[in-house]
Amino acid sequence: MTSTRLRPPEHRVSPRAVSVWTVESVIAHAVVTALLAGLAWGAAAAGWSWIPDWAVSYGWVVPVGYALFGAVETAAVPRVRYRVHRWEVTADVIYTRTGWIGREWQLVPVSRIQTVDHTQGWVERMFKVATLEVQTASHAGSSTIEGLDAEQARAISEELAMRAGELRDDAT
């Protein structure tokens, strides 16, 4: 009996995906930091007597601590995601690997594809990348590839939709 080892998918996402993930992280952390700073300032300015004096005096620690965490997370995570996220489309399967702490390997048979979606958020459009979503009848069988070059994502979505249609026609 021979054993087949699961190998990493062949292709990395676009290097521009790092910029997309970095900008999205900066925006998310800036919003949360601003909200925390607003709460800390509001507690100090309002003079709420039900908040202990030490909490009002050191209220600035929470937004500053979160901002530091956000800076470290923003600097590290997008680069690690880029190194880990991979994808490959073969004649009969779409193969993805995602996750930077926990890894998820997913194989989606082309014959099971129901829809192929090619989407771009506003940050993705700025950096000319896109997300490809391949959906099957089973939620567990659906796959998403984030950070593809926009033209490559369009071409793959058209090819997969055509191949899935041909396979369905052959099955009837």
Foldseek 3Di string as FASTA:
>chain_A
DDDDDDDAADFFFDPLQLVLLLVVLVVVLVVVLVVLVVVLVCCLVVVDPVDDPVCNVCSNVVSVVSSVVSVVCSVPVSVLQRVFWGWDDDLFWTWIWGDNPDIDIAIATLLQWDAKDWADDPSCVVSQFIKIWTDGPDPRRIDIRGRHRNVVSVVVRVVSVVSNVVSVVVVD
